[in-house]
Amino acid sequence: MKNLKLLYVGVFLTEDSKTKLLEMSPSGHENVHAHHYTVWFYRDEPKLDFDSVPWGKIVDLKVTAFAADAKATAARVEPVSWAPPRAHPHITISTDEGIKPFYSNTMLDAGMTEIEADFTLRGRVGWLSNKGALYFEPPQDWC
């Protein structure tokens, strides 16, 4: 697998959870994402302990808050126990034209609406490559 690189490790929503999330918080923006929670991005510090990652497992994600503005909508989630610290673990639900999904971090810094209801999503633990492919087993040495 020449030139294959890991971009990020995440929890990738099941189709049922994506539908549930979009029903709870309609996107309202041009680009609908509602795809994953990024646990670790390849440039993040501290590094992720790959041995602690439950590759391929289905895990629960508890939604704790929502945020929305003219540029994006996002759901804040409780971090998984094996994740390095992140300011705002979240799922970007949608973005306006020309807005990158990482804008959700800025939006969440500005404030969010906490939810009291028990709202849990499910997703599978895996990683996305620089070629756009999803993998649900540990990355190999060549990665």
N, C-alpha and C. Protein backbone atom coordinates (compact mmCIF):
# COMPACT_ATOMS: atom_id res chain seq x y z
N MET A 1 0.84 -1.19 0.00
CA MET A 1 0.00 0.00 0.00
C MET A 1 0.88 1.24 0.00
N LYS A 2 1.50 1.48 -1.10
CA LYS A 2 2.42 2.60 -1.22
C LYS A 2 1.70 3.94 -1.04
N ASN A 3 2.33 4.82 -0.29
CA ASN A 3 1.85 6.18 -0.04
C ASN A 3 0.54 6.26 0.75
N LEU A 4 0.14 5.17 1.40
CA LEU A 4 -1.07 5.20 2.23
C LEU A 4 -0.70 5.74 3.60
N LYS A 5 -1.45 6.75 4.06
CA LYS A 5 -1.17 7.36 5.35
C LYS A 5 -2.46 7.49 6.14
N LEU A 6 -2.33 7.41 7.45
CA LEU A 6 -3.46 7.58 8.34
C LEU A 6 -3.69 9.08 8.54
N LEU A 7 -4.91 9.55 8.27
CA LEU A 7 -5.25 10.95 8.52
C LEU A 7 -5.82 11.14 9.92
N TYR A 8 -6.80 10.31 10.27
CA TYR A 8 -7.35 10.41 11.61
C TYR A 8 -8.01 9.11 12.05
N VAL A 9 -8.07 8.94 13.36
CA VAL A 9 -8.77 7.84 14.00
C VAL A 9 -10.10 8.42 14.48
N GLY A 10 -11.17 7.69 14.27
CA GLY A 10 -12.46 8.21 14.67
C GLY A 10 -13.46 7.13 15.01
N VAL A 11 -14.62 7.59 15.45
CA VAL A 11 -15.78 6.73 15.63
C VAL A 11 -16.73 7.13 14.51
N PHE A 12 -16.98 6.20 13.59
CA PHE A 12 -17.77 6.46 12.39
C PHE A 12 -19.20 5.99 12.63
N LEU A 13 -20.12 6.94 12.54
CA LEU A 13 -21.51 6.67 12.89
C LEU A 13 -22.14 5.57 12.03
N THR A 14 -22.97 4.76 12.70
CA THR A 14 -23.80 3.81 11.96
C THR A 14 -24.84 4.62 11.18
N GLU A 15 -25.43 4.02 10.17
CA GLU A 15 -26.46 4.71 9.39
C GLU A 15 -27.64 5.09 10.28
N ASP A 16 -28.04 4.19 11.20
CA ASP A 16 -29.14 4.50 12.11
C ASP A 16 -28.81 5.71 12.98
N SER A 17 -27.58 5.80 13.46
CA SER A 17 -27.19 6.93 14.30
C SER A 17 -27.11 8.22 13.51
N LYS A 18 -26.65 8.14 12.28
CA LYS A 18 -26.61 9.34 11.44
C LYS A 18 -28.04 9.86 11.24
N THR A 19 -28.97 8.97 10.95
CA THR A 19 -30.37 9.35 10.78
C THR A 19 -30.93 9.96 12.06
N LYS A 20 -30.64 9.33 13.18
CA LYS A 20 -31.11 9.81 14.49
C LYS A 20 -30.57 11.21 14.78
N LEU A 21 -29.29 11.43 14.49
CA LEU A 21 -28.66 12.73 14.72
C LEU A 21 -29.29 13.81 13.84
N LEU A 22 -29.52 13.50 12.58
CA LEU A 22 -30.11 14.48 11.66
C LEU A 22 -31.57 14.78 12.00
N GLU A 23 -32.27 13.80 12.58
CA GLU A 23 -33.65 14.05 13.03
C GLU A 23 -33.67 14.95 14.26
N MET A 24 -32.68 14.76 15.15
CA MET A 24 -32.61 15.54 16.38
C MET A 24 -32.16 16.98 16.11
N SER A 25 -31.25 17.13 15.16
CA SER A 25 -30.70 18.44 14.85
C SER A 25 -30.57 18.59 13.33
N PRO A 26 -31.64 18.99 12.67
CA PRO A 26 -31.57 19.13 11.22
C PRO A 26 -30.41 20.04 10.81
N SER A 27 -29.77 19.68 9.73
CA SER A 27 -28.53 20.36 9.35
C SER A 27 -28.72 21.84 9.04
N GLY A 28 -29.60 22.18 8.14
CA GLY A 28 -29.83 23.58 7.81
C GLY A 28 -28.72 24.23 7.01
N HIS A 29 -27.71 23.49 6.62
CA HIS A 29 -26.61 24.03 5.83
C HIS A 29 -26.44 23.20 4.55
N GLU A 30 -25.72 23.78 3.63
CA GLU A 30 -25.51 23.15 2.31
C GLU A 30 -24.86 21.76 2.39
N ASN A 31 -23.80 21.63 3.18
CA ASN A 31 -23.03 20.38 3.24
C ASN A 31 -23.37 19.59 4.50
N VAL A 32 -23.97 18.42 4.32
CA VAL A 32 -24.30 17.55 5.46
C VAL A 32 -23.15 16.58 5.67
N HIS A 33 -22.65 16.51 6.91
CA HIS A 33 -21.56 15.61 7.26
C HIS A 33 -22.10 14.49 8.15
N ALA A 34 -22.31 14.75 9.43
CA ALA A 34 -22.88 13.77 10.37
C ALA A 34 -22.27 12.38 10.16
N HIS A 35 -20.96 12.32 10.10
CA HIS A 35 -20.24 11.13 9.68
C HIS A 35 -19.43 10.48 10.80
N HIS A 36 -18.72 11.30 11.59
CA HIS A 36 -17.78 10.73 12.56
C HIS A 36 -17.43 11.72 13.67
N TYR A 37 -16.85 11.17 14.71
CA TYR A 37 -16.22 11.94 15.79
C TYR A 37 -14.73 11.66 15.65
N THR A 38 -13.94 12.71 15.44
CA THR A 38 -12.49 12.54 15.32
C THR A 38 -11.90 12.36 16.71
N VAL A 39 -11.31 11.21 16.95
CA VAL A 39 -10.67 10.92 18.22
C VAL A 39 -9.25 11.47 18.22
N TRP A 40 -8.56 11.30 17.09
CA TRP A 40 -7.16 11.74 16.99
C TRP A 40 -6.83 12.03 15.53
N PHE A 41 -6.23 13.22 15.30
CA PHE A 41 -5.77 13.64 13.98
C PHE A 41 -4.27 13.47 13.94
N TYR A 42 -3.71 13.09 12.81
CA TYR A 42 -2.30 12.71 12.73
C TYR A 42 -1.32 13.78 13.21
N ARG A 43 -1.71 15.04 13.25
CA ARG A 43 -0.80 16.09 13.74
C ARG A 43 -1.01 16.41 15.23
N ASP A 44 -1.99 15.74 15.86
CA ASP A 44 -2.31 16.04 17.26
C ASP A 44 -1.22 15.57 18.22
N GLU A 45 -1.07 16.32 19.29
CA GLU A 45 -0.25 15.92 20.44
C GLU A 45 -1.17 15.97 21.65
N PRO A 46 -1.12 15.02 22.56
CA PRO A 46 -0.22 13.87 22.54
C PRO A 46 -0.64 12.85 21.49
N LYS A 47 0.29 11.97 21.19
CA LYS A 47 0.03 10.90 20.23
C LYS A 47 -0.96 9.90 20.83
N LEU A 48 -1.65 9.21 19.97
CA LEU A 48 -2.61 8.20 20.39
C LEU A 48 -1.90 6.87 20.62
N ASP A 49 -2.25 6.21 21.72
CA ASP A 49 -1.74 4.87 22.00
C ASP A 49 -2.57 3.88 21.18
N PHE A 50 -2.07 3.48 20.02
CA PHE A 50 -2.83 2.63 19.11
C PHE A 50 -3.20 1.29 19.74
N ASP A 51 -2.40 0.82 20.70
CA ASP A 51 -2.70 -0.45 21.36
C ASP A 51 -3.95 -0.36 22.24
N SER A 52 -4.34 0.85 22.63
CA SER A 52 -5.52 1.02 23.49
C SER A 52 -6.82 1.18 22.70
N VAL A 53 -6.70 1.30 21.39
CA VAL A 53 -7.87 1.55 20.54
C VAL A 53 -8.62 0.24 20.27
N PRO A 54 -9.93 0.21 20.50
CA PRO A 54 -10.72 -1.00 20.23
C PRO A 54 -11.13 -1.08 18.75
N TRP A 55 -10.18 -1.29 17.89
CA TRP A 55 -10.38 -1.28 16.44
C TRP A 55 -11.56 -2.15 16.02
N GLY A 56 -12.45 -1.57 15.20
CA GLY A 56 -13.56 -2.31 14.64
C GLY A 56 -14.76 -2.48 15.55
N LYS A 57 -14.65 -2.11 16.80
CA LYS A 57 -15.74 -2.28 17.76
C LYS A 57 -16.80 -1.18 17.58
N ILE A 58 -18.03 -1.53 17.90
CA ILE A 58 -19.12 -0.55 17.94
C ILE A 58 -19.12 0.04 19.35
N VAL A 59 -19.09 1.36 19.44
CA VAL A 59 -19.08 2.05 20.74
C VAL A 59 -20.22 3.07 20.80
N ASP A 60 -20.62 3.39 22.02
CA ASP A 60 -21.65 4.40 22.25
C ASP A 60 -21.01 5.78 22.38
N LEU A 61 -21.70 6.78 21.86
CA LEU A 61 -21.28 8.18 21.99
C LEU A 61 -22.45 8.96 22.58
N LYS A 62 -22.25 9.51 23.76
CA LYS A 62 -23.30 10.29 24.40
C LYS A 62 -23.19 11.74 23.94
N VAL A 63 -24.27 12.26 23.36
CA VAL A 63 -24.32 13.66 22.94
C VAL A 63 -24.67 14.49 24.17
N THR A 64 -23.86 15.53 24.43
CA THR A 64 -24.07 16.36 25.61
C THR A 64 -24.53 17.79 25.29
N ALA A 65 -24.34 18.22 24.04
CA ALA A 65 -24.70 19.60 23.67
C ALA A 65 -24.76 19.74 22.16
N PHE A 66 -25.44 20.81 21.72
CA PHE A 66 -25.48 21.17 20.31
C PHE A 66 -25.04 22.63 20.17
N ALA A 67 -24.49 22.94 19.02
CA ALA A 67 -24.14 24.32 18.70
C ALA A 67 -24.48 24.55 17.23
N ALA A 68 -24.94 25.75 16.93
CA ALA A 68 -25.27 26.09 15.55
C ALA A 68 -25.12 27.59 15.34
N ASP A 69 -24.68 27.95 14.16
CA ASP A 69 -24.66 29.35 13.75
C ASP A 69 -24.88 29.38 12.24
N ALA A 70 -24.65 30.51 11.62
CA ALA A 70 -24.90 30.63 10.18
C ALA A 70 -23.94 29.79 9.34
N LYS A 71 -22.83 29.34 9.95
CA LYS A 71 -21.81 28.61 9.20
C LYS A 71 -21.84 27.10 9.40
N ALA A 72 -22.32 26.63 10.58
CA ALA A 72 -22.23 25.20 10.87
C ALA A 72 -23.17 24.77 11.99
N THR A 73 -23.32 23.45 12.10
CA THR A 73 -24.04 22.82 13.20
C THR A 73 -23.19 21.65 13.67
N ALA A 74 -23.11 21.46 15.00
CA ALA A 74 -22.30 20.37 15.55
C ALA A 74 -22.92 19.84 16.83
N ALA A 75 -22.59 18.59 17.14
CA ALA A 75 -23.01 17.96 18.39
C ALA A 75 -21.76 17.64 19.20
N ARG A 76 -21.73 18.11 20.45
CA ARG A 76 -20.61 17.77 21.34
C ARG A 76 -20.90 16.40 21.93
N VAL A 77 -19.86 15.56 22.03
CA VAL A 77 -20.02 14.22 22.60
C VAL A 77 -19.04 14.03 23.76
N GLU A 78 -19.39 13.09 24.64
CA GLU A 78 -18.44 12.71 25.68
C GLU A 78 -17.30 11.96 25.01
N PRO A 79 -16.07 12.27 25.37
CA PRO A 79 -14.95 11.56 24.72
C PRO A 79 -14.92 10.09 25.13
N VAL A 80 -14.43 9.25 24.23
CA VAL A 80 -14.22 7.84 24.58
C VAL A 80 -13.05 7.77 25.56
N SER A 81 -13.04 6.75 26.39
CA SER A 81 -12.06 6.65 27.49
C SER A 81 -10.62 6.58 27.01
N TRP A 82 -10.38 6.09 25.83
CA TRP A 82 -9.02 5.89 25.33
C TRP A 82 -8.53 7.06 24.47
N ALA A 83 -9.33 8.12 24.38
CA ALA A 83 -8.97 9.27 23.53
C ALA A 83 -8.03 10.23 24.25
N PRO A 84 -7.04 10.79 23.53
CA PRO A 84 -6.26 11.89 24.11
C PRO A 84 -7.19 13.09 24.30
N PRO A 85 -6.83 14.01 25.16
CA PRO A 85 -7.71 15.17 25.39
C PRO A 85 -7.89 16.04 24.15
N ARG A 86 -9.11 16.50 23.96
CA ARG A 86 -9.47 17.44 22.90
C ARG A 86 -10.35 18.48 23.54
N ALA A 87 -10.25 19.71 23.08
CA ALA A 87 -11.06 20.79 23.65
C ALA A 87 -12.55 20.50 23.50
N HIS A 88 -12.96 20.09 22.32
CA HIS A 88 -14.37 19.86 22.06
C HIS A 88 -14.58 18.60 21.22
N PRO A 89 -14.66 17.44 21.87
CA PRO A 89 -14.98 16.24 21.09
C PRO A 89 -16.38 16.43 20.49
N HIS A 90 -16.51 16.24 19.20
CA HIS A 90 -17.78 16.56 18.55
C HIS A 90 -17.95 15.83 17.22
N ILE A 91 -19.16 15.94 16.71
CA ILE A 91 -19.50 15.48 15.37
C ILE A 91 -19.99 16.72 14.62
N THR A 92 -19.35 17.06 13.53
CA THR A 92 -19.84 18.15 12.69
C THR A 92 -21.04 17.62 11.93
N ILE A 93 -22.17 18.27 12.11
CA ILE A 93 -23.40 17.83 11.46
C ILE A 93 -23.50 18.42 10.06
N SER A 94 -23.25 19.72 9.94
CA SER A 94 -23.32 20.35 8.62
C SER A 94 -22.50 21.63 8.60
N THR A 95 -22.16 22.05 7.39
CA THR A 95 -21.45 23.32 7.20
C THR A 95 -22.04 24.04 6.00
N ASP A 96 -21.89 25.36 6.00
CA ASP A 96 -22.33 26.16 4.87
C ASP A 96 -21.30 26.03 3.75
N GLU A 97 -21.67 26.43 2.57
CA GLU A 97 -20.77 26.38 1.42
C GLU A 97 -19.46 27.10 1.74
N GLY A 98 -18.33 26.45 1.47
CA GLY A 98 -17.01 27.05 1.69
C GLY A 98 -16.48 26.95 3.11
N ILE A 99 -17.25 26.38 4.03
CA ILE A 99 -16.82 26.25 5.42
C ILE A 99 -16.32 24.83 5.66
N LYS A 100 -15.10 24.71 6.18
CA LYS A 100 -14.52 23.39 6.46
C LYS A 100 -15.09 22.84 7.77
N PRO A 101 -15.20 21.51 7.89
CA PRO A 101 -15.76 20.92 9.11
C PRO A 101 -15.02 21.30 10.39
N PHE A 102 -13.72 21.56 10.33
CA PHE A 102 -12.99 21.89 11.56
C PHE A 102 -13.42 23.24 12.15
N TYR A 103 -14.20 24.03 11.40
CA TYR A 103 -14.76 25.26 11.94
C TYR A 103 -15.59 24.98 13.19
N SER A 104 -16.13 23.78 13.30
CA SER A 104 -16.95 23.42 14.47
C SER A 104 -16.21 23.68 15.78
N ASN A 105 -14.91 23.51 15.80
CA ASN A 105 -14.13 23.78 17.02
C ASN A 105 -14.27 25.24 17.44
N THR A 106 -14.17 26.16 16.49
CA THR A 106 -14.31 27.59 16.77
C THR A 106 -15.72 27.89 17.26
N MET A 107 -16.69 27.32 16.58
CA MET A 107 -18.09 27.55 16.95
C MET A 107 -18.36 27.04 18.37
N LEU A 108 -17.86 25.86 18.72
CA LEU A 108 -18.07 25.30 20.05
C LEU A 108 -17.36 26.13 21.12
N ASP A 109 -16.23 26.75 20.78
CA ASP A 109 -15.57 27.66 21.71
C ASP A 109 -16.47 28.83 22.07
N ALA A 110 -17.30 29.26 21.13
CA ALA A 110 -18.17 30.42 21.34
C ALA A 110 -19.39 30.09 22.19
N GLY A 111 -19.70 28.82 22.35
CA GLY A 111 -20.83 28.44 23.19
C GLY A 111 -21.67 27.34 22.57
N MET A 112 -22.41 26.66 23.43
CA MET A 112 -23.26 25.56 22.99
C MET A 112 -24.44 25.42 23.93
N THR A 113 -25.44 24.70 23.51
CA THR A 113 -26.63 24.45 24.31
C THR A 113 -26.56 23.03 24.85
N GLU A 114 -26.43 22.91 26.16
CA GLU A 114 -26.38 21.60 26.81
C GLU A 114 -27.74 20.92 26.66
N ILE A 115 -27.73 19.59 26.56
CA ILE A 115 -29.00 18.86 26.53
C ILE A 115 -29.08 17.97 27.76
N GLU A 116 -30.26 17.81 28.28
CA GLU A 116 -30.46 16.99 29.46
C GLU A 116 -30.93 15.59 29.11
N ALA A 117 -31.55 15.44 27.96
CA ALA A 117 -32.07 14.14 27.55
C ALA A 117 -30.92 13.17 27.30
N ASP A 118 -31.19 11.89 27.51
CA ASP A 118 -30.21 10.86 27.21
C ASP A 118 -30.24 10.63 25.70
N PHE A 119 -29.20 11.08 25.03
CA PHE A 119 -29.13 11.00 23.58
C PHE A 119 -27.82 10.32 23.21
N THR A 120 -27.90 9.05 22.83
CA THR A 120 -26.71 8.25 22.56
C THR A 120 -26.70 7.78 21.11
N LEU A 121 -25.54 7.93 20.50
CA LEU A 121 -25.32 7.46 19.13
C LEU A 121 -24.37 6.27 19.18
N ARG A 122 -24.28 5.54 18.08
CA ARG A 122 -23.36 4.41 18.00
C ARG A 122 -22.49 4.56 16.76
N GLY A 123 -21.26 4.11 16.90
CA GLY A 123 -20.35 4.17 15.76
C GLY A 123 -19.28 3.11 15.87
N ARG A 124 -18.61 2.88 14.77
CA ARG A 124 -17.55 1.87 14.69
C ARG A 124 -16.19 2.56 14.68
N VAL A 125 -15.27 2.02 15.46
CA VAL A 125 -13.94 2.60 15.61
C VAL A 125 -13.05 2.20 14.43
N GLY A 126 -12.45 3.22 13.80
CA GLY A 126 -11.59 2.94 12.68
C GLY A 126 -10.72 4.14 12.34
N TRP A 127 -10.16 4.13 11.14
CA TRP A 127 -9.33 5.25 10.70
C TRP A 127 -9.56 5.53 9.22
N LEU A 128 -9.33 6.78 8.87
CA LEU A 128 -9.47 7.23 7.49
C LEU A 128 -8.09 7.49 6.92
N SER A 129 -7.88 7.02 5.70
CA SER A 129 -6.58 7.21 5.03
C SER A 129 -6.59 8.47 4.18
N ASN A 130 -5.40 8.86 3.75
CA ASN A 130 -5.25 9.99 2.85
C ASN A 130 -5.87 9.71 1.48
N LYS A 131 -6.23 8.48 1.21
CA LYS A 131 -6.88 8.10 -0.06
C LYS A 131 -8.40 8.09 0.09
N GLY A 132 -8.91 8.43 1.31
CA GLY A 132 -10.35 8.49 1.53
C GLY A 132 -10.99 7.17 1.92
N ALA A 133 -10.16 6.14 2.13
CA ALA A 133 -10.70 4.82 2.48
C ALA A 133 -10.79 4.67 4.00
N LEU A 134 -11.84 3.99 4.45
CA LEU A 134 -12.02 3.70 5.88
C LEU A 134 -11.49 2.31 6.18
N TYR A 135 -10.81 2.19 7.32
CA TYR A 135 -10.28 0.90 7.78
C TYR A 135 -10.74 0.70 9.21
N PHE A 136 -11.05 -0.54 9.55
CA PHE A 136 -11.52 -0.84 10.90
C PHE A 136 -10.59 -1.81 11.64
N GLU A 137 -9.40 -2.00 11.12
CA GLU A 137 -8.37 -2.78 11.79
C GLU A 137 -7.19 -1.85 12.08
N PRO A 138 -6.29 -2.26 12.96
CA PRO A 138 -5.16 -1.37 13.29
C PRO A 138 -4.33 -1.03 12.06
N PRO A 139 -3.82 0.21 11.99
CA PRO A 139 -2.93 0.55 10.89
C PRO A 139 -1.65 -0.28 10.97
N GLN A 140 -1.09 -0.59 9.83
CA GLN A 140 0.11 -1.40 9.77
C GLN A 140 1.36 -0.51 9.76
N ASP A 141 2.52 -1.12 9.86
CA ASP A 141 3.78 -0.38 9.89
C ASP A 141 3.97 0.50 8.66
N TRP A 142 3.42 0.09 7.52
CA TRP A 142 3.58 0.85 6.28
C TRP A 142 2.76 2.12 6.27
N CYS A 143 1.92 2.28 7.26
CA CYS A 143 1.02 3.42 7.25
C CYS A 143 1.70 4.60 7.88
